[in-house]
PDB file of N, CA and C in Angstrom:
ATOM      1  N   MET A   1      68.914   7.648   7.801  1.00  0.00           N
ATOM      2  CA  MET A   1      69.592   7.823   8.847  1.00  0.00           C
ATOM      3  C   MET A   1      69.347   8.866   9.747  1.00  0.00           C
ATOM      4  N   LYS A   2      69.125   8.502  11.111  1.00  0.00           N
ATOM      5  CA  LYS A   2      68.766   9.666  11.695  1.00  0.00           C
ATOM      6  C   LYS A   2      69.937  10.447  12.590  1.00  0.00           C
ATOM      7  N   SER A   3      71.046   9.553  12.998  1.00  0.00           N
ATOM      8  CA  SER A   3      72.035  10.055  13.454  1.00  0.00           C
ATOM      9  C   SER A   3      73.177  10.844  12.959  1.00  0.00           C
ATOM     10  N   GLN A   4      73.271  12.182  13.117  1.00  0.00           N
ATOM     11  CA  GLN A   4      74.140  13.215  12.504  1.00  0.00           C
ATOM     12  C   GLN A   4      75.603  12.750  12.743  1.00  0.00           C
ATOM     13  N   LYS A   5      75.853  12.050  14.112  1.00  0.00           N
ATOM     14  CA  LYS A   5      77.311  11.579  14.273  1.00  0.00           C
ATOM     15  C   LYS A   5      77.603  10.630  13.497  1.00  0.00           C
ATOM     16  N   ALA A   6      76.745   9.698  13.258  1.00  0.00           N
ATOM     17  CA  ALA A   6      76.748   8.291  12.103  1.00  0.00           C
ATOM     18  C   ALA A   6      77.159   8.854  10.675  1.00  0.00           C
ATOM     19  N   MET A   7      76.447   9.860  10.169  1.00  0.00           N
ATOM     20  CA  MET A   7      76.501  10.160   8.991  1.00  0.00           C
ATOM     21  C   MET A   7      78.126  11.101   8.852  1.00  0.00           C
ATOM     22  N   GLU A   8      78.464  11.756   9.944  1.00  0.00           N
ATOM     23  CA  GLU A   8      79.683  12.127   9.952  1.00  0.00           C
ATOM     24  C   GLU A   8      80.801  11.319   9.902  1.00  0.00           C
ATOM     25  N   PHE A   9      80.550  10.336  10.597  1.00  0.00           N
ATOM     26  CA  PHE A   9      81.729   9.256  10.818  1.00  0.00           C
ATOM     27  C   PHE A   9      81.863   8.423   9.654  1.00  0.00           C
ATOM     28  N   ILE A  10      80.488   8.024   8.859  1.00  0.00           N
ATOM     29  CA  ILE A  10      80.718   7.577   7.620  1.00  0.00           C
ATOM     30  C   ILE A  10      81.327   8.474   6.539  1.00  0.00           C
ATOM     31  N   GLY A  11      81.129   9.533   6.691  1.00  0.00           N
ATOM     32  CA  GLY A  11      81.758  10.378   5.482  1.00  0.00           C
ATOM     33  C   GLY A  11      83.040  10.592   5.700  1.00  0.00           C
ATOM     34  N   GLY A  12      83.577  10.483   7.195  1.00  0.00           N
ATOM     35  CA  GLY A  12      84.909  10.782   7.253  1.00  0.00           C
ATOM     36  C   GLY A  12      85.758   9.580   7.061  1.00  0.00           C
ATOM     37  N   CYS A  13      85.174   8.268   7.253  1.00  0.00           N
ATOM     38  CA  CYS A  13      85.917   7.087   6.779  1.00  0.00           C
ATOM     39  C   CYS A  13      86.155   6.942   5.246  1.00  0.00           C
ATOM     40  N   MET A  14      85.035   7.419   4.510  1.00  0.00           N
ATOM     41  CA  MET A  14      84.897   7.309   3.063  1.00  0.00           C
ATOM     42  C   MET A  14      85.962   8.388   2.744  1.00  0.00           C
ATOM     43  N   ALA A  15      86.357   9.506   3.342  1.00  0.00           N
ATOM     44  CA  ALA A  15      87.004  10.701   2.584  1.00  0.00           C
ATOM     45  C   ALA A  15      88.424  10.050   2.892  1.00  0.00           C
ATOM     46  N   HIS A  16      88.879   9.308   4.057  1.00  0.00           N
ATOM     47  CA  HIS A  16      90.014   8.885   4.486  1.00  0.00           C
ATOM     48  C   HIS A  16      90.721   7.394   3.804  1.00  0.00           C
ATOM     49  N   LEU A  17      89.824   7.062   2.866  1.00  0.00           N
ATOM     50  CA  LEU A  17      90.173   5.369   2.476  1.00  0.00           C
ATOM     51  C   LEU A  17      91.444   5.453   2.099  1.00  0.00           C
ATOM     52  N   THR A  18      92.582   4.498   2.500  1.00  0.00           N
ATOM     53  CA  THR A  18      93.725   4.588   1.742  1.00  0.00           C
ATOM     54  C   THR A  18      93.920   3.521   0.929  1.00  0.00           C
ATOM     55  N   VAL A  19      92.570   2.847   0.456  1.00  0.00           N
ATOM     56  CA  VAL A  19      92.774   1.818  -0.154  1.00  0.00           C
ATOM     57  C   VAL A  19      92.258   2.316  -1.655  1.00  0.00           C
ATOM     58  N   GLU A  20      92.552   1.801  -2.739  1.00  0.00           N
ATOM     59  CA  GLU A  20      92.064   2.134  -3.857  1.00  0.00           C
ATOM     60  C   GLU A  20      90.861   1.282  -4.288  1.00  0.00           C
ATOM     61  N   MET A  21      89.877   1.812  -4.418  1.00  0.00           N
ATOM     62  CA  MET A  21      88.540   1.303  -4.738  1.00  0.00           C
ATOM     63  C   MET A  21      87.870   2.193  -6.043  1.00  0.00           C
ATOM     64  N   THR A  22      87.175   1.404  -6.574  1.00  0.00           N
ATOM     65  CA  THR A  22      86.355   1.955  -7.792  1.00  0.00           C
ATOM     66  C   THR A  22      85.099   2.627  -7.251  1.00  0.00           C
ATOM     67  N   ASP A  23      84.474   3.390  -7.906  1.00  0.00           N
ATOM     68  CA  ASP A  23      83.639   4.278  -7.380  1.00  0.00           C
ATOM     69  C   ASP A  23      82.512   3.648  -7.082  1.00  0.00           C
ATOM     70  N   HIS A  24      82.233   2.368  -7.607  1.00  0.00           N
ATOM     71  CA  HIS A  24      80.923   1.567  -7.464  1.00  0.00           C
ATOM     72  C   HIS A  24      81.235   0.972  -5.969  1.00  0.00           C
ATOM     73  N   ALA A  25      82.534   0.455  -5.782  1.00  0.00           N
ATOM     74  CA  ALA A  25      82.806  -0.512  -4.565  1.00  0.00           C
ATOM     75  C   ALA A  25      82.780   0.902  -3.384  1.00  0.00           C
ATOM     76  N   LYS A  26      83.124   1.569  -3.799  1.00  0.00           N
ATOM     77  CA  LYS A  26      82.809   3.103  -2.733  1.00  0.00           C
ATOM     78  C   LYS A  26      81.529   3.137  -2.247  1.00  0.00           C
ATOM     79  N   TRP A  27      80.895   3.083  -3.245  1.00  0.00           N
ATOM     80  CA  TRP A  27      79.193   3.139  -3.141  1.00  0.00           C
ATOM     81  C   TRP A  27      78.750   2.279  -2.406  1.00  0.00           C
ATOM     82  N   GLN A  28      79.078   1.307  -2.749  1.00  0.00           N
ATOM     83  CA  GLN A  28      78.528  -0.155  -2.081  1.00  0.00           C
ATOM     84  C   GLN A  28      79.001  -0.341  -0.274  1.00  0.00           C
ATOM     85  N   LEU A  29      80.275   0.153  -0.202  1.00  0.00           N
ATOM     86  CA  LEU A  29      80.839   0.450   1.013  1.00  0.00           C
ATOM     87  C   LEU A  29      80.039   1.379   1.906  1.00  0.00           C
ATOM     88  N   ARG A  30      79.796   2.770   1.329  1.00  0.00           N
ATOM     89  CA  ARG A  30      79.004   3.444   2.231  1.00  0.00           C
ATOM     90  C   ARG A  30      77.597   3.104   2.280  1.00  0.00           C
ATOM     91  N   THR A  31      76.932   2.268   1.301  1.00  0.00           N
ATOM     92  CA  THR A  31      75.869   1.954   1.456  1.00  0.00           C
ATOM     93  C   THR A  31      75.478   0.592   2.619  1.00  0.00           C
ATOM     94  N   ALA A  32      76.492   0.025   2.728  1.00  0.00           N
ATOM     95  CA  ALA A  32      76.718  -1.111   3.582  1.00  0.00           C
ATOM     96  C   ALA A  32      76.706  -0.614   4.995  1.00  0.00           C
ATOM     97  N   MET A  33      77.406   0.470   5.082  1.00  0.00           N
ATOM     98  CA  MET A  33      77.810   1.065   6.439  1.00  0.00           C
ATOM     99  C   MET A  33      76.273   1.736   6.937  1.00  0.00           C
ATOM    100  N   THR A  34      75.665   2.532   5.913  1.00  0.00           N
ATOM    101  CA  THR A  34      74.575   3.438   6.191  1.00  0.00           C
ATOM    102  C   THR A  34      73.405   2.345   6.660  1.00  0.00           C
ATOM    103  N   HIS A  35      73.290   1.138   6.140  1.00  0.00           N
ATOM    104  CA  HIS A  35      72.366   0.016   6.478  1.00  0.00           C
ATOM    105  C   HIS A  35      72.850  -0.383   7.809  1.00  0.00           C
ATOM    106  N   ALA A  36      73.892  -0.540   7.959  1.00  0.00           N
ATOM    107  CA  ALA A  36      74.138  -1.094   9.581  1.00  0.00           C
ATOM    108  C   ALA A  36      74.181   0.099  10.595  1.00  0.00           C
ATOM    109  N   VAL A  37      73.898   1.120  10.093  1.00  0.00           N
ATOM    110  CA  VAL A  37      73.510   2.258  10.906  1.00  0.00           C
ATOM    111  C   VAL A  37      72.275   2.201  11.445  1.00  0.00           C
ATOM    112  N   GLU A  38      71.484   2.226  10.280  1.00  0.00           N
ATOM    113  CA  GLU A  38      69.995   2.172  10.242  1.00  0.00           C
ATOM    114  C   GLU A  38      69.496   0.798  10.927  1.00  0.00           C
ATOM    115  N   LEU A  39      69.990  -0.163  10.908  1.00  0.00           N
ATOM    116  CA  LEU A  39      69.827  -1.630  11.527  1.00  0.00           C
ATOM    117  C   LEU A  39      70.135  -1.056  13.028  1.00  0.00           C
ATOM    118  N   ALA A  40      70.947  -0.560  13.425  1.00  0.00           N
ATOM    119  CA  ALA A  40      71.396  -0.571  14.874  1.00  0.00           C
ATOM    120  C   ALA A  40      70.078   0.541  15.586  1.00  0.00           C
ATOM    121  N   GLU A  41      70.100   1.618  14.797  1.00  0.00           N
ATOM    122  CA  GLU A  41      68.853   2.872  15.209  1.00  0.00           C
ATOM    123  C   GLU A  41      67.573   1.982  15.222  1.00  0.00           C
ATOM    124  N   ARG A  42      67.264   1.425  14.405  1.00  0.00           N
ATOM    125  CA  ARG A  42      65.881   0.604  14.461  1.00  0.00           C
ATOM    126  C   ARG A  42      65.791  -0.242  15.864  1.00  0.00           C
ATOM    127  N   ASP A  43      66.893  -1.214  16.153  1.00  0.00           N
ATOM    128  CA  ASP A  43      67.072  -1.940  17.170  1.00  0.00           C
ATOM    129  C   ASP A  43      67.008  -1.148  18.713  1.00  0.00           C
ATOM    130  N   ALA A  44      67.584   0.127  18.673  1.00  0.00           N
ATOM    131  CA  ALA A  44      67.588   0.934  19.880  1.00  0.00           C
ATOM    132  C   ALA A  44      66.209   1.492  20.216  1.00  0.00           C
ATOM    133  N   GLU A  45      65.644   1.973  19.050  1.00  0.00           N
ATOM    134  CA  GLU A  45      64.325   2.366  19.084  1.00  0.00           C
ATOM    135  C   GLU A  45      63.302   1.286  19.606  1.00  0.00           C
ATOM    136  N   ASP A  46      63.363  -0.167  18.868  1.00  0.00           N
ATOM    137  CA  ASP A  46      62.623  -1.124  19.715  1.00  0.00           C
ATOM    138  C   ASP A  46      62.915  -1.201  20.993  1.00  0.00           C
ATOM    139  N   ARG A  47      64.166  -1.512  21.433  1.00  0.00           N
ATOM    140  CA  ARG A  47      64.395  -1.534  22.969  1.00  0.00           C
ATOM    141  C   ARG A  47      63.782  -0.720  23.755  1.00  0.00           C
ATOM    142  N   VAL A  48      63.906   0.678  23.327  1.00  0.00           N
ATOM    143  CA  VAL A  48      63.266   1.763  24.341  1.00  0.00           C
ATOM    144  C   VAL A  48      61.836   1.812  24.134  1.00  0.00           C
ATOM    145  N   ARG A  49      61.101   1.393  22.850  1.00  0.00           N
ATOM    146  CA  ARG A  49      59.736   1.474  23.100  1.00  0.00           C
ATOM    147  C   ARG A  49      59.239   0.046  23.840  1.00  0.00           C
ATOM    148  N   LYS A  50      59.968  -0.783  23.763  1.00  0.00           N
ATOM    149  CA  LYS A  50      59.614  -2.031  24.885  1.00  0.00           C
ATOM    150  C   LYS A  50      59.640  -1.685  26.065  1.00  0.00           C
ATOM    151  N   LYS A  51      60.640  -1.102  26.587  1.00  0.00           N
ATOM    152  CA  LYS A  51      60.996  -0.552  28.088  1.00  0.00           C
ATOM    153  C   LYS A  51      59.796   0.531  28.296  1.00  0.00           C
ATOM    154  N   LEU A  52      59.374   1.399  27.612  1.00  0.00           N
ATOM    155  CA  LEU A  52      58.719   2.663  27.825  1.00  0.00           C
ATOM    156  C   LEU A  52      57.118   1.952  27.814  1.00  0.00           C
ATOM    157  N   THR A  53      56.463   0.789  27.164  1.00  0.00           N
ATOM    158  CA  THR A  53      55.420   0.233  27.036  1.00  0.00           C
ATOM    159  C   THR A  53      55.287  -1.114  27.887  1.00  0.00           C
ATOM    160  N   ARG A  54      56.325  -1.177  28.658  1.00  0.00           N
ATOM    161  CA  ARG A  54      56.220  -2.535  29.481  1.00  0.00           C
ATOM    162  C   ARG A  54      55.149  -2.124  30.799  1.00  0.00           C
ATOM    163  N   TRP A  55      54.324  -2.906  31.112  1.00  0.00           N
ATOM    164  CA  TRP A  55      53.593  -3.203  32.498  1.00  0.00           C
ATOM    165  C   TRP A  55      54.320  -3.626  33.607  1.00  0.00           C
ATOM    166  N   HIS A  56      54.471  -2.886  34.538  1.00  0.00           N
ATOM    167  CA  HIS A  56      55.406  -3.596  35.776  1.00  0.00           C
ATOM    168  C   HIS A  56      54.702  -4.095  36.834  1.00  0.00           C
ATOM    169  N   ASP A  57      54.817  -5.262  37.278  1.00  0.00           N
ATOM    170  CA  ASP A  57      54.049  -5.871  38.266  1.00  0.00           C
ATOM    171  C   ASP A  57      53.915  -5.250  39.513  1.00  0.00           C
ATOM    172  N   PRO A  58      52.709  -4.861  40.073  1.00  0.00           N
ATOM    173  CA  PRO A  58      52.758  -3.804  41.373  1.00  0.00           C
ATOM    174  C   PRO A  58      53.249  -4.679  42.695  1.00  0.00           C
ATOM    175  N   LYS A  59      53.103  -5.964  42.457  1.00  0.00           N
ATOM    176  CA  LYS A  59      53.903  -6.915  43.686  1.00  0.00           C
ATOM    177  C   LYS A  59      55.305  -7.088  43.646  1.00  0.00           C
ATOM    178  N   GLU A  60      55.955  -6.914  42.470  1.00  0.00           N
ATOM    179  CA  GLU A  60      57.090  -7.285  42.523  1.00  0.00           C
ATOM    180  C   GLU A  60      57.792  -5.828  42.460  1.00  0.00           C
ATOM    181  N   GLU A  61      57.527  -4.985  41.817  1.00  0.00           N
ATOM    182  CA  GLU A  61      57.880  -3.513  41.562  1.00  0.00           C
ATOM    183  C   GLU A  61      57.021  -2.589  41.720  1.00  0.00           C
ATOM    184  N   PRO A  62      56.822  -1.839  42.709  1.00  0.00           N
ATOM    185  CA  PRO A  62      55.734  -1.159  43.038  1.00  0.00           C
ATOM    186  C   PRO A  62      56.182   0.149  42.484  1.00  0.00           C
ATOM    187  N   PRO A  63      55.423   0.975  42.195  1.00  0.00           N
ATOM    188  CA  PRO A  63      55.934   2.464  41.856  1.00  0.00           C
ATOM    189  C   PRO A  63      56.319   3.179  43.472  1.00  0.00           C
ATOM    190  N   ARG A  64      57.028   4.462  43.107  1.00  0.00           N
ATOM    191  CA  ARG A  64      57.095   5.192  44.513  1.00  0.00           C
ATOM    192  C   ARG A  64      55.642   5.746  44.562  1.00  0.00           C
ATOM    193  N   ASN A  65      55.503   6.281  45.844  1.00  0.00           N
ATOM    194  CA  ASN A  65      54.519   6.694  46.539  1.00  0.00           C
ATOM    195  C   ASN A  65      54.225   8.082  45.967  1.00  0.00           C
ATOM    196  N   ASN A  66      53.128   8.633  45.484  1.00  0.00           N
ATOM    197  CA  ASN A  66      52.733   9.732  45.263  1.00  0.00           C
ATOM    198  C   ASN A  66      52.936  10.242  43.789  1.00  0.00           C
ATOM    199  N   VAL A  67      53.360   9.176  42.856  1.00  0.00           N
ATOM    200  CA  VAL A  67      53.985   9.502  41.777  1.00  0.00           C
ATOM    201  C   VAL A  67      52.800   9.004  40.695  1.00  0.00           C
ATOM    202  N   CYS A  68      52.365   9.964  39.922  1.00  0.00           N
ATOM    203  CA  CYS A  68      51.363   9.729  39.012  1.00  0.00           C
ATOM    204  C   CYS A  68      51.863   8.609  37.919  1.00  0.00           C
ATOM    205  N   VAL A  69      50.849   7.594  37.651  1.00  0.00           N
ATOM    206  CA  VAL A  69      51.405   6.259  36.580  1.00  0.00           C
ATOM    207  C   VAL A  69      49.763   5.890  36.239  1.00  0.00           C
ATOM    208  N   LEU A  70      50.037   5.200  34.972  1.00  0.00           N
ATOM    209  CA  LEU A  70      48.994   4.737  34.619  1.00  0.00           C
ATOM    210  C   LEU A  70      48.730   3.201  35.167  1.00  0.00           C
ATOM    211  N   LEU A  71      47.270   2.917  35.870  1.00  0.00           N
ATOM    212  CA  LEU A  71      47.363   1.604  36.501  1.00  0.00           C
ATOM    213  C   LEU A  71      46.080   0.839  35.700  1.00  0.00           C
ATOM    214  N   LYS A  72      46.796  -0.508  35.580  1.00  0.00           N
ATOM    215  CA  LYS A  72      45.905  -1.309  34.775  1.00  0.00           C
ATOM    216  C   LYS A  72      45.149  -2.405  35.811  1.00  0.00           C
ATOM    217  N   VAL A  73      43.797  -2.350  35.689  1.00  0.00           N
ATOM    218  CA  VAL A  73      43.144  -2.943  36.555  1.00  0.00           C
ATOM    219  C   VAL A  73      42.024  -4.227  35.879  1.00  0.00           C
ATOM    220  N   VAL A  74      41.776  -5.025  36.792  1.00  0.00           N
ATOM    221  CA  VAL A  74      40.859  -6.244  36.517  1.00  0.00           C
ATOM    222  C   VAL A  74      39.971  -6.341  37.610  1.00  0.00           C
ATOM    223  N   ASP A  75      38.601  -6.916  36.984  1.00  0.00           N
ATOM    224  CA  ASP A  75      37.741  -7.213  38.091  1.00  0.00           C
ATOM    225  C   ASP A  75      37.973  -8.753  37.812  1.00  0.00           C
ATOM    226  N   GLN A  76      36.943  -9.145  38.800  1.00  0.00           N
ATOM    227  CA  GLN A  76      36.820 -11.086  39.094  1.00  0.00           C
ATOM    228  C   GLN A  76      36.182 -11.409  37.744  1.00  0.00           C
ATOM    229  N   LEU A  77      35.566 -10.689  36.866  1.00  0.00           N
ATOM    230  CA  LEU A  77      34.918 -11.313  35.593  1.00  0.00           C
ATOM    231  C   LEU A  77      35.828 -10.890  34.464  1.00  0.00           C
ATOM    232  N   ASP A  78      37.320 -10.667  35.020  1.00  0.00           N
ATOM    233  CA  ASP A  78      38.142 -10.258  33.901  1.00  0.00           C
ATOM    234  C   ASP A  78      37.777  -9.338  33.011  1.00  0.00           C
ATOM    235  N   ASN A  79      37.049  -8.348  32.993  1.00  0.00           N
ATOM    236  CA  ASN A  79      36.870  -6.846  32.777  1.00  0.00           C
ATOM    237  C   ASN A  79      38.374  -6.162  33.091  1.00  0.00           C
ATOM    238  N   LYS A  80      38.962  -5.621  32.139  1.00  0.00           N
ATOM    239  CA  LYS A  80      40.184  -4.803  32.184  1.00  0.00           C
ATOM    240  C   LYS A  80      39.847  -3.210  32.010  1.00  0.00           C
ATOM    241  N   ALA A  81      40.841  -2.368  32.841  1.00  0.00           N
ATOM    242  CA  ALA A  81      40.559  -1.040  32.399  1.00  0.00           C
ATOM    243  C   ALA A  81      41.539  -0.542  33.002  1.00  0.00           C
ATOM    244  N   ILE A  82      42.206   0.963  32.447  1.00  0.00           N
ATOM    245  CA  ILE A  82      43.439   1.564  32.605  1.00  0.00           C
ATOM    246  C   ILE A  82      42.522   2.761  33.262  1.00  0.00           C
ATOM    247  N   TYR A  83      43.577   3.501  34.369  1.00  0.00           N
ATOM    248  CA  TYR A  83      43.102   4.543  35.090  1.00  0.00           C
ATOM    249  C   TYR A  83      44.238   5.375  35.259  1.00  0.00           C
ATOM    250  N   LEU A  84      44.180   6.828  35.456  1.00  0.00           N
ATOM    251  CA  LEU A  84      45.306   7.573  36.120  1.00  0.00           C
ATOM    252  C   LEU A  84      45.528   7.392  37.479  1.00  0.00           C
ATOM    253  N   GLY A  85      46.497   7.398  38.120  1.00  0.00           N
ATOM    254  CA  GLY A  85      46.566   7.618  39.602  1.00  0.00           C
ATOM    255  C   GLY A  85      47.515   6.944  40.385  1.00  0.00           C
ATOM    256  N   SER A  86      48.177   6.752  41.271  1.00  0.00           N
ATOM    257  CA  SER A  86      49.330   6.477  42.251  1.00  0.00           C
ATOM    258  C   SER A  86      48.945   5.827  43.430  1.00  0.00           C
ATOM    259  N   ARG A  87      50.350   5.370  43.787  1.00  0.00           N
ATOM    260  CA  ARG A  87      50.398   4.371  44.865  1.00  0.00           C
ATOM    261  C   ARG A  87      50.346   5.432  46.053  1.00  0.00           C
ATOM    262  N   GLU A  88      49.453   5.067  47.409  1.00  0.00           N
ATOM    263  CA  GLU A  88      49.394   5.702  48.203  1.00  0.00           C
ATOM    264  C   GLU A  88      49.647   4.706  49.511  1.00  0.00           C
ATOM    265  N   GLY A  89      50.639   4.291  49.794  1.00  0.00           N
ATOM    266  CA  GLY A  89      51.110   3.184  50.748  1.00  0.00           C
ATOM    267  C   GLY A  89      50.960   2.012  50.418  1.00  0.00           C
ATOM    268  N   VAL A  90      49.853   1.102  50.930  1.00  0.00           N
ATOM    269  CA  VAL A  90      49.710  -0.464  50.082  1.00  0.00           C
ATOM    270  C   VAL A  90      48.476  -0.255  49.170  1.00  0.00           C
ATOM    271  N   GLU A  91      47.748   0.705  48.865  1.00  0.00           N
ATOM    272  CA  GLU A  91      46.742   0.909  48.006  1.00  0.00           C
ATOM    273  C   GLU A  91      47.207   1.977  46.921  1.00  0.00           C
ATOM    274  N   TYR A  92      46.106   1.916  45.890  1.00  0.00           N
ATOM    275  CA  TYR A  92      46.416   2.610  44.656  1.00  0.00           C
ATOM    276  C   TYR A  92      45.206   3.390  44.541  1.00  0.00           C
ATOM    277  N   MET A  93      45.310   4.710  44.216  1.00  0.00           N
ATOM    278  CA  MET A  93      43.983   5.575  44.093  1.00  0.00           C
ATOM    279  C   MET A  93      44.323   6.376  42.751  1.00  0.00           C
ATOM    280  N   THR A  94      42.805   6.180  42.338  1.00  0.00           N
ATOM    281  CA  THR A  94      43.015   7.160  41.157  1.00  0.00           C
ATOM    282  C   THR A  94      42.689   8.710  41.368  1.00  0.00           C
ATOM    283  N   ASP A  95      42.630   9.268  39.860  1.00  0.00           N
ATOM    284  CA  ASP A  95      42.386  10.598  40.204  1.00  0.00           C
ATOM    285  C   ASP A  95      40.826  10.922  40.522  1.00  0.00           C
ATOM    286  N   GLY A  96      39.774   9.797  40.195  1.00  0.00           N
ATOM    287  CA  GLY A  96      38.533   9.823  40.284  1.00  0.00           C
ATOM    288  C   GLY A  96      38.238   9.522  41.876  1.00  0.00           C
ATOM    289  N   GLY A  97      39.427   9.000  42.687  1.00  0.00           N
ATOM    290  CA  GLY A  97      38.826   8.789  43.971  1.00  0.00           C
ATOM    291  C   GLY A  97      38.551   7.210  43.975  1.00  0.00           C
ATOM    292  N   LEU A  98      38.800   6.622  43.230  1.00  0.00           N
ATOM    293  CA  LEU A  98      38.586   5.076  43.472  1.00  0.00           C
ATOM    294  C   LEU A  98      39.888   4.413  43.916  1.00  0.00           C
ATOM    295  N   VAL A  99      39.527   3.406  44.781  1.00  0.00           N
ATOM    296  CA  VAL A  99      40.712   2.851  45.490  1.00  0.00           C
ATOM    297  C   VAL A  99      41.042   1.416  45.373  1.00  0.00           C
ATOM    298  N   PHE A 100      42.167   1.090  44.978  1.00  0.00           N
ATOM    299  CA  PHE A 100      41.925  -0.517  44.433  1.00  0.00           C
ATOM    300  C   PHE A 100      43.668  -1.227  45.408  1.00  0.00           C
ATOM    301  N   GLY A 101      43.375  -2.356  45.508  1.00  0.00           N
ATOM    302  CA  GLY A 101      44.561  -3.001  46.028  1.00  0.00           C
ATOM    303  C   GLY A 101      45.111  -3.947  45.091  1.00  0.00           C
ATOM    304  N   THR A 102      45.990  -4.718  45.526  1.00  0.00           N
ATOM    305  CA  THR A 102      46.865  -5.698  44.471  1.00  0.00           C
ATOM    306  C   THR A 102      46.227  -7.186  44.539  1.00  0.00           C
ATOM    307  N   ASP A 103      45.279  -7.260  45.440  1.00  0.00           N
ATOM    308  CA  ASP A 103      44.335  -8.757  45.524  1.00  0.00           C
ATOM    309  C   ASP A 103      42.769  -8.294  45.627  1.00  0.00           C
ATOM    310  N   PHE A 104      42.232  -9.489  45.363  1.00  0.00           N
ATOM    311  CA  PHE A 104      40.452  -9.324  45.454  1.00  0.00           C
ATOM    312  C   PHE A 104      40.351  -9.384  46.853  1.00  0.00           C
ATOM    313  N   ASP A 105      39.238  -8.966  47.225  1.00  0.00           N
ATOM    314  CA  ASP A 105      38.885  -9.154  48.647  1.00  0.00           C
ATOM    315  C   ASP A 105      37.427  -9.780  48.728  1.00  0.00           C
ATOM    316  N   ASP A 106      37.083 -10.360  49.486  1.00  0.00           N
ATOM    317  CA  ASP A 106      36.248 -11.321  49.552  1.00  0.00           C
ATOM    318  C   ASP A 106      34.577 -10.731  49.759  1.00  0.00           C
ATOM    319  N   LYS A 107      34.693  -9.453  50.082  1.00  0.00           N
ATOM    320  CA  LYS A 107      33.314  -8.918  50.541  1.00  0.00           C
ATOM    321  C   LYS A 107      32.826  -8.356  49.573  1.00  0.00           C
ATOM    322  N   SER A 108      33.380  -7.991  47.929  1.00  0.00           N
ATOM    323  CA  SER A 108      32.766  -7.402  47.226  1.00  0.00           C
ATOM    324  C   SER A 108      32.202  -8.094  46.128  1.00  0.00           C
ATOM    325  N   MET A 109      31.219  -7.539  45.380  1.00  0.00           N
ATOM    326  CA  MET A 109      30.323  -8.215  44.421  1.00  0.00           C
ATOM    327  C   MET A 109      31.748  -8.248  43.141  1.00  0.00           C
ATOM    328  N   PRO A 110      31.275  -9.510  42.458  1.00  0.00           N
ATOM    329  CA  PRO A 110      32.582  -9.761  41.570  1.00  0.00           C
ATOM    330  C   PRO A 110      32.970  -8.879  40.335  1.00  0.00           C
ATOM    331  N   ASP A 111      31.765  -7.785  39.887  1.00  0.00           N
ATOM    332  CA  ASP A 111      31.889  -6.775  39.205  1.00  0.00           C
ATOM    333  C   ASP A 111      32.565  -5.711  39.596  1.00  0.00           C
ATOM    334  N   MET A 112      32.609  -5.627  41.177  1.00  0.00           N
ATOM    335  CA  MET A 112      32.999  -4.419  41.721  1.00  0.00           C
ATOM    336  C   MET A 112      34.511  -4.756  42.545  1.00  0.00           C
ATOM    337  N   ASN A 113      34.786  -6.070  42.261  1.00  0.00           N
ATOM    338  CA  ASN A 113      36.284  -6.475  42.890  1.00  0.00           C
ATOM    339  C   ASN A 113      37.223  -6.199  42.405  1.00  0.00           C
ATOM    340  N   VAL A 114      37.996  -5.297  42.269  1.00  0.00           N
ATOM    341  CA  VAL A 114      38.970  -4.905  41.443  1.00  0.00           C
ATOM    342  C   VAL A 114      40.297  -4.773  42.050  1.00  0.00           C
ATOM    343  N   LYS A 115      41.152  -5.463  41.250  1.00  0.00           N
ATOM    344  CA  LYS A 115      42.901  -5.207  41.867  1.00  0.00           C
ATOM    345  C   LYS A 115      43.410  -4.636  40.624  1.00  0.00           C
ATOM    346  N   VAL A 116      44.810  -4.095  41.177  1.00  0.00           N
ATOM    347  CA  VAL A 116      45.706  -3.511  40.395  1.00  0.00           C
ATOM    348  C   VAL A 116      46.532  -4.652  39.483  1.00  0.00           C
ATOM    349  N   ILE A 117      46.785  -4.964  38.273  1.00  0.00           N
ATOM    350  CA  ILE A 117      47.736  -6.168  38.084  1.00  0.00           C
ATOM    351  C   ILE A 117      48.914  -5.325  37.404  1.00  0.00           C
ATOM    352  N   GLY A 118      49.023  -3.921  37.019  1.00  0.00           N
ATOM    353  CA  GLY A 118      50.188  -3.526  36.537  1.00  0.00           C
ATOM    354  C   GLY A 118      50.360  -1.946  36.387  1.00  0.00           C
ATOM    355  N   TRP A 119      51.481  -1.226  36.412  1.00  0.00           N
ATOM    356  CA  TRP A 119      51.414   0.042  36.185  1.00  0.00           C
ATOM    357  C   TRP A 119      52.713   0.304  35.150  1.00  0.00           C
ATOM    358  N   ARG A 120      52.189   1.567  34.775  1.00  0.00           N
ATOM    359  CA  ARG A 120      53.513   2.176  33.589  1.00  0.00           C
ATOM    360  C   ARG A 120      53.608   3.520  33.915  1.00  0.00           C
ATOM    361  N   GLU A 121      54.616   4.114  33.657  1.00  0.00           N
ATOM    362  CA  GLU A 121      55.256   5.388  34.011  1.00  0.00           C
ATOM    363  C   GLU A 121      54.400   6.007  32.531  1.00  0.00           C
ATOM    364  N   ILE A 122      54.217   7.395  33.127  1.00  0.00           N
ATOM    365  CA  ILE A 122      53.973   8.553  32.111  1.00  0.00           C
ATOM    366  C   ILE A 122      55.050   9.216  31.656  1.00  0.00           C
ATOM    367  N   MET A 123      55.295   9.083  30.602  1.00  0.00           N
ATOM    368  CA  MET A 123      56.421   9.903  29.755  1.00  0.00           C
ATOM    369  C   MET A 123      55.870  11.221  28.985  1.00  0.00           C
TER     370      MET A 123
END
C-alpha cells in the first residue's frame, strides 16, 4: 500500500474498534481493508496511465499553439512515425523543420505525403 493516509486511517479504525473480535478476525478485517485500498490505488494508477498515454485527435482537439508535444504521423503507405514538435496555426512543425498538416495533399508522392493523426502531451 502506497498511501500513508490510508495506512493511518486503517490503523485508527483498528485501534478504535468497539466490537469484541478475536485477533484472527481483526487480522482478517485489516487485510480486507488493506486489499481494498490496494485495488483502489491500482485503479487510480490505471486511469492516470490511460489518460497520459492517450493520443488526441488533432482535428477534434488540437494542442495549444507553440506548445511542444509528441506528434504521431502517417504517410499514404501507412508508415507511422513519432516526432517532437508543435502546432503553428493550422500546421504542425517538428523540431527538425518538417511541416505536416492533418490531411494528405494531392501533390506529394505517397511516401512523402504525411499527415498528423495524433498528438500527446509531454510529461
